[in-house]
Amino acid sequence: MPARIYKPAKSATQSGLARTKLWLLEFEQESPREIEPLMGWTSSGDTRQQLRLRFDTKEEAIAYAEREGIPYRVEEPTESRRRTMSYADNFKFNRTQPWTH
């Protein structure tokens, strides 16, 4: 079962960069999930899917996967451009667009 090594993106409700600096190693799903007939819950017998390992660097994650004999694939993060704008810029005199309510 291959593992996925990646750096998570920030969530939509997150303004800072917390929890986006570490690299994660996750195992991919080996068998399909099953629907439990009585309650309708989904279940799986694959316990490795619940495991998430965190590493400070990509090299540490790769070294761990190679040391343990785990096949892996690395997904490089895409750097997002942050638009820096202060709240005071909403009220400046020389705005390019008119301010409306």
N, C-alpha and C. Protein backbone atom coordinates (compact mmCIF):
# COMPACT_ATOMS: atom_id res chain seq x y z
N MET A 1 0.85 -1.17 0.00
CA MET A 1 0.00 0.00 0.00
C MET A 1 0.90 1.24 0.00
N PRO A 2 0.75 2.10 -1.01
CA PRO A 2 1.61 3.28 -1.06
C PRO A 2 1.20 4.32 -0.04
N ALA A 3 2.16 5.10 0.37
CA ALA A 3 1.92 6.20 1.29
C ALA A 3 2.03 7.51 0.52
N ARG A 4 1.40 8.51 1.03
CA ARG A 4 1.41 9.83 0.41
C ARG A 4 2.11 10.79 1.35
N ILE A 5 3.14 11.47 0.87
CA ILE A 5 3.87 12.46 1.66
C ILE A 5 3.54 13.82 1.06
N TYR A 6 2.98 14.70 1.90
CA TYR A 6 2.57 16.00 1.41
C TYR A 6 2.59 17.02 2.53
N LYS A 7 2.48 18.27 2.15
CA LYS A 7 2.40 19.38 3.08
C LYS A 7 0.97 19.93 2.96
N PRO A 8 0.17 19.87 4.04
CA PRO A 8 -1.24 20.23 3.90
C PRO A 8 -1.43 21.73 3.64
N ALA A 9 -2.49 22.03 2.92
CA ALA A 9 -2.86 23.42 2.67
C ALA A 9 -3.69 23.93 3.84
N LYS A 10 -3.77 25.22 3.97
CA LYS A 10 -4.58 25.76 5.06
C LYS A 10 -6.06 25.64 4.70
N SER A 11 -6.90 25.55 5.72
CA SER A 11 -8.33 25.41 5.47
C SER A 11 -8.92 26.76 5.07
N ALA A 12 -10.14 26.73 4.58
CA ALA A 12 -10.78 27.95 4.11
C ALA A 12 -11.08 28.92 5.24
N THR A 13 -11.26 28.41 6.45
CA THR A 13 -11.58 29.28 7.58
C THR A 13 -10.34 29.71 8.35
N GLN A 14 -9.19 29.38 7.86
CA GLN A 14 -7.94 29.63 8.57
C GLN A 14 -7.25 30.84 7.95
N SER A 15 -6.91 31.84 8.77
CA SER A 15 -6.23 33.00 8.23
C SER A 15 -4.72 32.90 8.38
N GLY A 16 -4.24 32.17 9.37
CA GLY A 16 -2.81 32.02 9.59
C GLY A 16 -2.26 30.80 8.90
N LEU A 17 -1.00 30.51 9.18
CA LEU A 17 -0.33 29.38 8.54
C LEU A 17 -0.06 28.23 9.51
N ALA A 18 -0.79 28.18 10.62
CA ALA A 18 -0.60 27.09 11.58
C ALA A 18 -1.02 25.77 10.96
N ARG A 19 -0.36 24.72 11.34
CA ARG A 19 -0.60 23.35 10.86
C ARG A 19 -0.34 23.18 9.36
N THR A 20 0.40 24.08 8.77
CA THR A 20 0.75 23.94 7.36
C THR A 20 2.26 23.84 7.18
N LYS A 21 3.00 23.83 8.26
CA LYS A 21 4.46 23.81 8.16
C LYS A 21 5.04 22.41 8.24
N LEU A 22 4.28 21.45 8.74
CA LEU A 22 4.77 20.08 8.88
C LEU A 22 4.40 19.26 7.65
N TRP A 23 5.20 18.23 7.39
CA TRP A 23 4.93 17.30 6.31
C TRP A 23 4.21 16.09 6.89
N LEU A 24 3.22 15.58 6.18
CA LEU A 24 2.42 14.44 6.64
C LEU A 24 2.70 13.23 5.77
N LEU A 25 2.69 12.07 6.43
CA LEU A 25 2.75 10.79 5.73
C LEU A 25 1.45 10.08 6.05
N GLU A 26 0.65 9.83 5.01
CA GLU A 26 -0.63 9.14 5.15
C GLU A 26 -0.64 7.93 4.25
N PHE A 27 -1.27 6.87 4.71
CA PHE A 27 -1.42 5.67 3.91
C PHE A 27 -2.71 5.78 3.11
N GLU A 28 -2.67 5.31 1.87
CA GLU A 28 -3.86 5.36 1.04
C GLU A 28 -4.73 4.15 1.32
N GLN A 29 -5.96 4.24 0.90
CA GLN A 29 -6.96 3.21 1.18
C GLN A 29 -6.63 1.94 0.41
N GLU A 30 -6.53 0.83 1.12
CA GLU A 30 -6.19 -0.45 0.50
C GLU A 30 -7.43 -1.20 0.04
N SER A 31 -8.46 -1.17 0.84
CA SER A 31 -9.70 -1.86 0.49
C SER A 31 -10.85 -0.86 0.56
N PRO A 32 -11.90 -1.08 -0.22
CA PRO A 32 -13.01 -0.12 -0.20
C PRO A 32 -13.77 -0.16 1.13
N ARG A 33 -14.37 0.94 1.48
CA ARG A 33 -15.17 1.00 2.70
C ARG A 33 -16.46 0.23 2.50
N GLU A 34 -16.99 -0.28 3.60
CA GLU A 34 -18.24 -1.04 3.55
C GLU A 34 -19.30 -0.30 4.35
N ILE A 35 -20.53 -0.45 3.93
CA ILE A 35 -21.64 0.17 4.66
C ILE A 35 -22.21 -0.86 5.62
N GLU A 36 -22.26 -0.49 6.89
CA GLU A 36 -22.81 -1.37 7.92
C GLU A 36 -24.33 -1.39 7.74
N PRO A 37 -24.94 -2.57 7.60
CA PRO A 37 -26.35 -2.63 7.21
C PRO A 37 -27.33 -2.10 8.27
N LEU A 38 -27.04 -2.25 9.55
CA LEU A 38 -28.00 -1.85 10.57
C LEU A 38 -28.08 -0.33 10.73
N MET A 39 -26.92 0.31 10.93
CA MET A 39 -26.91 1.75 11.21
C MET A 39 -26.57 2.60 9.98
N GLY A 40 -26.00 1.99 8.94
CA GLY A 40 -25.64 2.74 7.75
C GLY A 40 -24.29 3.42 7.83
N TRP A 41 -23.52 3.13 8.87
CA TRP A 41 -22.19 3.73 9.01
C TRP A 41 -21.24 3.10 8.01
N THR A 42 -20.24 3.85 7.62
CA THR A 42 -19.20 3.28 6.77
C THR A 42 -18.07 2.78 7.65
N SER A 43 -17.52 1.66 7.29
CA SER A 43 -16.44 1.07 8.07
C SER A 43 -15.39 0.49 7.15
N SER A 44 -14.26 0.21 7.73
CA SER A 44 -13.16 -0.37 6.98
C SER A 44 -12.31 -1.20 7.93
N GLY A 45 -11.76 -2.27 7.44
CA GLY A 45 -10.87 -3.10 8.24
C GLY A 45 -9.42 -2.64 8.14
N ASP A 46 -9.18 -1.62 7.37
CA ASP A 46 -7.84 -1.11 7.14
C ASP A 46 -7.48 -0.10 8.23
N THR A 47 -6.65 -0.51 9.18
CA THR A 47 -6.30 0.39 10.29
C THR A 47 -5.16 1.34 9.94
N ARG A 48 -4.41 1.05 8.90
CA ARG A 48 -3.31 1.95 8.53
C ARG A 48 -3.83 3.27 7.98
N GLN A 49 -5.08 3.26 7.51
CA GLN A 49 -5.66 4.47 6.95
C GLN A 49 -5.89 5.52 8.04
N GLN A 50 -5.99 5.12 9.28
CA GLN A 50 -6.21 6.04 10.38
C GLN A 50 -4.92 6.71 10.86
N LEU A 51 -3.80 6.24 10.37
CA LEU A 51 -2.49 6.70 10.85
C LEU A 51 -2.02 7.92 10.04
N ARG A 52 -1.63 8.97 10.76
CA ARG A 52 -1.03 10.17 10.16
C ARG A 52 0.25 10.49 10.90
N LEU A 53 1.37 10.44 10.21
CA LEU A 53 2.65 10.74 10.83
C LEU A 53 3.10 12.14 10.39
N ARG A 54 3.58 12.93 11.35
CA ARG A 54 4.02 14.29 11.07
C ARG A 54 5.54 14.37 11.15
N PHE A 55 6.13 15.09 10.21
CA PHE A 55 7.58 15.28 10.16
C PHE A 55 7.87 16.75 9.93
N ASP A 56 9.03 17.19 10.41
CA ASP A 56 9.42 18.58 10.25
C ASP A 56 9.85 18.90 8.82
N THR A 57 10.49 17.94 8.15
CA THR A 57 10.95 18.18 6.79
C THR A 57 10.52 17.04 5.88
N LYS A 58 10.56 17.32 4.59
CA LYS A 58 10.22 16.30 3.59
C LYS A 58 11.26 15.18 3.60
N GLU A 59 12.52 15.53 3.83
CA GLU A 59 13.59 14.54 3.83
C GLU A 59 13.42 13.53 4.97
N GLU A 60 12.95 14.01 6.14
CA GLU A 60 12.70 13.10 7.26
C GLU A 60 11.59 12.11 6.93
N ALA A 61 10.55 12.58 6.27
CA ALA A 61 9.44 11.70 5.90
C ALA A 61 9.88 10.67 4.87
N ILE A 62 10.68 11.08 3.91
CA ILE A 62 11.17 10.16 2.90
C ILE A 62 12.12 9.14 3.53
N ALA A 63 12.99 9.59 4.42
CA ALA A 63 13.92 8.68 5.09
C ALA A 63 13.17 7.64 5.92
N TYR A 64 12.09 8.05 6.60
CA TYR A 64 11.30 7.11 7.39
C TYR A 64 10.65 6.07 6.48
N ALA A 65 10.05 6.52 5.37
CA ALA A 65 9.39 5.59 4.45
C ALA A 65 10.39 4.60 3.86
N GLU A 66 11.58 5.07 3.50
CA GLU A 66 12.59 4.16 2.95
C GLU A 66 13.13 3.21 4.00
N ARG A 67 13.31 3.69 5.24
CA ARG A 67 13.81 2.84 6.31
C ARG A 67 12.82 1.72 6.65
N GLU A 68 11.53 2.02 6.59
CA GLU A 68 10.50 1.04 6.92
C GLU A 68 10.04 0.23 5.71
N GLY A 69 10.56 0.53 4.53
CA GLY A 69 10.20 -0.21 3.33
C GLY A 69 8.80 0.11 2.83
N ILE A 70 8.35 1.31 3.02
CA ILE A 70 7.01 1.73 2.60
C ILE A 70 7.11 2.41 1.25
N PRO A 71 6.38 1.92 0.25
CA PRO A 71 6.37 2.66 -1.02
C PRO A 71 5.66 3.99 -0.83
N TYR A 72 6.16 5.04 -1.46
CA TYR A 72 5.61 6.36 -1.22
C TYR A 72 5.61 7.18 -2.49
N ARG A 73 4.83 8.26 -2.46
CA ARG A 73 4.88 9.27 -3.51
C ARG A 73 4.82 10.63 -2.82
N VAL A 74 5.59 11.57 -3.33
CA VAL A 74 5.70 12.90 -2.73
C VAL A 74 4.89 13.88 -3.57
N GLU A 75 4.04 14.66 -2.90
CA GLU A 75 3.27 15.71 -3.57
C GLU A 75 3.84 17.04 -3.11
N GLU A 76 4.43 17.77 -4.03
CA GLU A 76 5.03 19.06 -3.71
C GLU A 76 3.93 20.10 -3.48
N PRO A 77 4.11 20.97 -2.50
CA PRO A 77 3.08 21.99 -2.24
C PRO A 77 3.11 23.09 -3.28
N THR A 78 1.96 23.66 -3.54
CA THR A 78 1.90 24.82 -4.42
C THR A 78 1.86 26.06 -3.54
N GLU A 79 2.75 26.97 -3.78
CA GLU A 79 2.83 28.17 -2.97
C GLU A 79 1.74 29.14 -3.41
N SER A 80 0.95 29.60 -2.47
CA SER A 80 -0.11 30.54 -2.80
C SER A 80 0.40 31.96 -2.61
N ARG A 81 -0.08 32.83 -3.44
CA ARG A 81 0.29 34.24 -3.32
C ARG A 81 -0.67 34.89 -2.36
N ARG A 82 -0.11 35.54 -1.38
CA ARG A 82 -0.95 36.23 -0.40
C ARG A 82 -1.09 37.68 -0.80
N ARG A 83 -2.29 38.16 -0.82
CA ARG A 83 -2.55 39.55 -1.12
C ARG A 83 -2.57 40.31 0.19
N THR A 84 -1.59 41.15 0.37
CA THR A 84 -1.51 41.91 1.61
C THR A 84 -2.23 43.23 1.42
N MET A 85 -3.22 43.45 2.25
CA MET A 85 -4.00 44.67 2.19
C MET A 85 -4.44 44.99 3.61
N SER A 86 -4.26 46.20 3.99
CA SER A 86 -4.66 46.58 5.33
C SER A 86 -6.10 47.08 5.32
N TYR A 87 -6.69 47.12 6.48
CA TYR A 87 -8.07 47.58 6.61
C TYR A 87 -8.18 49.06 6.22
N ALA A 88 -7.15 49.83 6.50
CA ALA A 88 -7.17 51.25 6.18
C ALA A 88 -7.20 51.50 4.68
N ASP A 89 -6.74 50.53 3.88
CA ASP A 89 -6.78 50.70 2.43
C ASP A 89 -8.20 50.79 1.89
N ASN A 90 -9.18 50.31 2.63
CA ASN A 90 -10.57 50.42 2.21
C ASN A 90 -11.04 51.87 2.18
N PHE A 91 -10.41 52.74 2.93
CA PHE A 91 -10.87 54.11 3.08
C PHE A 91 -9.89 55.14 2.53
N LYS A 92 -8.90 54.74 1.78
CA LYS A 92 -7.92 55.70 1.29
C LYS A 92 -8.52 56.59 0.20
N PHE A 93 -7.92 57.74 0.02
CA PHE A 93 -8.46 58.76 -0.87
C PHE A 93 -8.37 58.36 -2.34
N ASN A 94 -7.28 57.77 -2.74
CA ASN A 94 -7.05 57.46 -4.16
C ASN A 94 -7.36 56.00 -4.49
N ARG A 95 -8.53 55.53 -4.14
CA ARG A 95 -8.96 54.17 -4.48
C ARG A 95 -9.15 54.03 -5.97
N THR A 96 -8.92 52.83 -6.50
CA THR A 96 -9.14 52.62 -7.93
C THR A 96 -10.61 52.35 -8.24
N GLN A 97 -11.36 51.85 -7.25
CA GLN A 97 -12.79 51.60 -7.43
C GLN A 97 -13.56 52.40 -6.39
N PRO A 98 -14.74 52.87 -6.74
CA PRO A 98 -15.50 53.65 -5.75
C PRO A 98 -15.97 52.76 -4.60
N TRP A 99 -16.05 53.36 -3.42
CA TRP A 99 -16.48 52.64 -2.25
C TRP A 99 -17.99 52.72 -2.14
N THR A 100 -18.68 51.59 -2.07
CA THR A 100 -20.13 51.57 -1.97
C THR A 100 -20.54 50.67 -0.84
N HIS A 101 -21.76 50.82 -0.40
CA HIS A 101 -22.28 49.95 0.66
C HIS A 101 -22.95 48.74 0.07
